[in-house]
Structure formats: structure tokens, C-alpha cells
Amino acid sequence: RVVDRLLIMCLITHLGSCDEAGSQQLKTDVDLGCNFYVQAEVEDSSRMFVAVGYGFFVEMTHDEALRFIEKKTSQLTHKNLIVSDMFQMKVRISLCCEII
């Protein structure tokens, strides 16, 4: 999931640089579900809808979206570190129980 968010950050950065260059029109493929894609054309790519969780989307500028994704990525990284620490502790407890 962290890798996906980093890829999204790269995409948003690219969109922001395209907007600065004056090209706001964007052509893309949209997944309708079950890997069924259709072509779409976005006339104004200066704002985007970002999935914030639980099925909710918020309209954000590129800078706002980047800040949001950076914060989410740091939270996920922290969560992954905690899960890793918990797994290591569980392994140590299992080893101690086997030794006893």
C-alpha cells in the first residue's frame, strides 16, 4: 500500500507540472470494475477527488493531495513498523516458551 501511495504522489507531481506548463487537459483510462477500462478525457485537471477512506472522496488541489498522501504514507509506515515489532516480540515469546 505504501508503494501505491508513492506512485500516486509521482502522478500528482506530474499532473502539477503539466498544469504549470499550461496543459490542463488530460486523457486517461478509467477502471469501471472487473478490469473493464474506458477512455476518458479530463478538461480541467487542476483539482482532483481523493479517496480519504470509508468510501468518502474529497476534492483537493495538487498541493493538498500531496500533503494528504504524505501524511497517510507516514501513518502507514509507522503502522507497519509497529506490526513488525509486534511480530518480532511474538517470535521471541514463542522461543522463550520452547526453551522453558
C-alpha atoms as a PDB file:
ATOM      1  CA  ARG A   1       0.000   0.000   0.000  1.00  0.00           C
ATOM      2  CA  VAL A   2       2.861   2.393   0.739  1.00  0.00           C
ATOM      3  CA  VAL A   3       4.302   1.744  -2.727  1.00  0.00           C
ATOM      4  CA  ASP A   4       0.912   2.531  -4.288  1.00  0.00           C
ATOM      5  CA  ARG A   5       0.790   5.833  -2.431  1.00  0.00           C
ATOM      6  CA  LEU A   6       4.300   6.729  -3.608  1.00  0.00           C
ATOM      7  CA  LEU A   7       3.266   6.033  -7.199  1.00  0.00           C
ATOM      8  CA  ILE A   8       0.212   8.253  -6.712  1.00  0.00           C
ATOM      9  CA  MET A   9       2.449  11.026  -5.344  1.00  0.00           C
ATOM     10  CA  CYS A  10       4.581  10.805  -8.506  1.00  0.00           C
ATOM     11  CA  LEU A  11       1.445  11.007 -10.653  1.00  0.00           C
ATOM     12  CA  ILE A  12       0.134  14.054  -8.779  1.00  0.00           C
ATOM     13  CA  THR A  13       3.521  15.756  -9.076  1.00  0.00           C
ATOM     14  CA  HIS A  14       3.472  15.082 -12.827  1.00  0.00           C
ATOM     15  CA  LEU A  15      -0.064  16.481 -13.110  1.00  0.00           C
ATOM     16  CA  GLY A  16       1.031  19.581 -11.208  1.00  0.00           C
ATOM     17  CA  SER A  17       3.959  20.139 -13.571  1.00  0.00           C
ATOM     18  CA  CYS A  18       1.612  19.735 -16.567  1.00  0.00           C
ATOM     19  CA  ASP A  19      -0.704  22.382 -15.079  1.00  0.00           C
ATOM     20  CA  GLU A  20       2.220  24.757 -14.617  1.00  0.00           C
ATOM     21  CA  ALA A  21       3.126  24.247 -18.265  1.00  0.00           C
ATOM     22  CA  GLY A  22      -0.403  25.346 -19.212  1.00  0.00           C
ATOM     23  CA  SER A  23      -1.819  21.985 -20.270  1.00  0.00           C
ATOM     24  CA  GLN A  24      -4.829  21.208 -18.078  1.00  0.00           C
ATOM     25  CA  GLN A  25      -6.462  18.698 -20.426  1.00  0.00           C
ATOM     26  CA  LEU A  26      -5.758  15.032 -19.651  1.00  0.00           C
ATOM     27  CA  LYS A  27      -6.569  11.752 -21.376  1.00  0.00           C
ATOM     28  CA  THR A  28      -6.732   8.639 -19.219  1.00  0.00           C
ATOM     29  CA  ASP A  29      -8.278   5.199 -18.804  1.00  0.00           C
ATOM     30  CA  VAL A  30     -10.893   4.681 -16.087  1.00  0.00           C
ATOM     31  CA  ASP A  31     -11.496   1.294 -14.458  1.00  0.00           C
ATOM     32  CA  LEU A  32     -15.245   0.618 -14.333  1.00  0.00           C
ATOM     33  CA  GLY A  33     -14.710  -2.596 -12.402  1.00  0.00           C
ATOM     34  CA  CYS A  34     -13.609  -6.149 -13.167  1.00  0.00           C
ATOM     35  CA  ASN A  35     -10.667  -4.729 -15.168  1.00  0.00           C
ATOM     36  CA  PHE A  36     -13.010  -3.132 -17.714  1.00  0.00           C
ATOM     37  CA  TYR A  37     -11.468   0.175 -18.825  1.00  0.00           C
ATOM     38  CA  VAL A  38     -12.873   3.032 -20.875  1.00  0.00           C
ATOM     39  CA  GLN A  39     -11.084   6.087 -22.223  1.00  0.00           C
ATOM     40  CA  ALA A  40     -11.848   9.386 -20.555  1.00  0.00           C
ATOM     41  CA  GLU A  41     -10.868  12.991 -21.138  1.00  0.00           C
ATOM     42  CA  VAL A  42     -10.492  15.408 -18.236  1.00  0.00           C
ATOM     43  CA  GLU A  43     -10.894  19.023 -19.321  1.00  0.00           C
ATOM     44  CA  ASP A  44      -9.610  20.609 -16.077  1.00  0.00           C
ATOM     45  CA  SER A  45      -7.062  18.588 -14.120  1.00  0.00           C
ATOM     46  CA  SER A  46      -6.225  21.368 -11.643  1.00  0.00           C
ATOM     47  CA  ARG A  47      -8.372  19.708  -8.950  1.00  0.00           C
ATOM     48  CA  MET A  48      -8.938  16.034  -8.179  1.00  0.00           C
ATOM     49  CA  PHE A  49     -11.041  13.819  -5.955  1.00  0.00           C
ATOM     50  CA  VAL A  50      -9.018  11.894  -3.368  1.00  0.00           C
ATOM     51  CA  ALA A  51     -10.336   8.798  -1.584  1.00  0.00           C
ATOM     52  CA  VAL A  52      -9.960   9.560   2.127  1.00  0.00           C
ATOM     53  CA  GLY A  53     -11.445   6.289   3.388  1.00  0.00           C
ATOM     54  CA  TYR A  54     -14.761   4.600   4.094  1.00  0.00           C
ATOM     55  CA  GLY A  55     -15.999   5.433   0.592  1.00  0.00           C
ATOM     56  CA  PHE A  56     -15.612   9.202   1.003  1.00  0.00           C
ATOM     57  CA  PHE A  57     -13.895  11.427  -1.569  1.00  0.00           C
ATOM     58  CA  VAL A  58     -12.677  14.993  -1.067  1.00  0.00           C
ATOM     59  CA  GLU A  59     -11.919  17.476  -3.842  1.00  0.00           C
ATOM     60  CA  MET A  60      -8.361  18.774  -3.451  1.00  0.00           C
ATOM     61  CA  THR A  61      -5.751  20.755  -5.331  1.00  0.00           C
ATOM     62  CA  HIS A  62      -2.493  19.031  -6.248  1.00  0.00           C
ATOM     63  CA  ASP A  63      -0.651  20.511  -3.252  1.00  0.00           C
ATOM     64  CA  GLU A  64      -3.397  19.476  -0.828  1.00  0.00           C
ATOM     65  CA  ALA A  65      -3.454  15.961  -2.288  1.00  0.00           C
ATOM     66  CA  LEU A  66       0.330  15.642  -1.971  1.00  0.00           C
ATOM     67  CA  ARG A  67       0.237  16.746   1.678  1.00  0.00           C
ATOM     68  CA  PHE A  68      -2.606  14.321   2.410  1.00  0.00           C
ATOM     69  CA  ILE A  69      -0.825  11.387   0.757  1.00  0.00           C
ATOM     70  CA  GLU A  70       2.470  12.196   2.505  1.00  0.00           C
ATOM     71  CA  LYS A  71       0.665  12.174   5.852  1.00  0.00           C
ATOM     72  CA  LYS A  72      -1.143   8.898   5.041  1.00  0.00           C
ATOM     73  CA  THR A  73       2.130   7.308   3.880  1.00  0.00           C
ATOM     74  CA  SER A  74       3.897   8.249   7.107  1.00  0.00           C
ATOM     75  CA  GLN A  75       0.991   6.829   9.134  1.00  0.00           C
ATOM     76  CA  LEU A  76       1.098   3.560   7.168  1.00  0.00           C
ATOM     77  CA  THR A  77       4.873   3.339   7.546  1.00  0.00           C
ATOM     78  CA  HIS A  78       4.545   3.856  11.300  1.00  0.00           C
ATOM     79  CA  LYS A  79       1.799   1.223  11.460  1.00  0.00           C
ATOM     80  CA  ASN A  80       3.974  -1.243   9.517  1.00  0.00           C
ATOM     81  CA  LEU A  81       6.837  -0.673  11.975  1.00  0.00           C
ATOM     82  CA  ILE A  82       4.532  -1.364  14.917  1.00  0.00           C
ATOM     83  CA  VAL A  83       3.238  -4.581  13.314  1.00  0.00           C
ATOM     84  CA  SER A  84       6.819  -5.659  12.602  1.00  0.00           C
ATOM     85  CA  ASP A  85       7.806  -5.010  16.230  1.00  0.00           C
ATOM     86  CA  MET A  86       4.780  -6.972  17.441  1.00  0.00           C
ATOM     87  CA  PHE A  87       5.704  -9.908  15.195  1.00  0.00           C
ATOM     88  CA  GLN A  88       9.304  -9.911  16.483  1.00  0.00           C
ATOM     89  CA  MET A  89       8.061  -9.853  20.070  1.00  0.00           C
ATOM     90  CA  LYS A  90       5.711 -12.765  19.364  1.00  0.00           C
ATOM     91  CA  VAL A  91       8.599 -14.766  17.895  1.00  0.00           C
ATOM     92  CA  ARG A  92      10.750 -14.060  20.960  1.00  0.00           C
ATOM     93  CA  ILE A  93       7.942 -15.141  23.294  1.00  0.00           C
ATOM     94  CA  SER A  94       7.481 -18.356  21.304  1.00  0.00           C
ATOM     95  CA  LEU A  95      11.209 -19.078  21.508  1.00  0.00           C
ATOM     96  CA  CYS A  96      11.232 -18.452  25.271  1.00  0.00           C
ATOM     97  CA  CYS A  97       8.276 -20.780  25.743  1.00  0.00           C
ATOM     98  CA  GLU A  98      10.029 -23.526  23.768  1.00  0.00           C
ATOM     99  CA  ILE A  99      13.199 -23.112  25.822  1.00  0.00           C
ATOM    100  CA  ILE A 100      11.315 -23.421  29.106  1.00  0.00           C
END
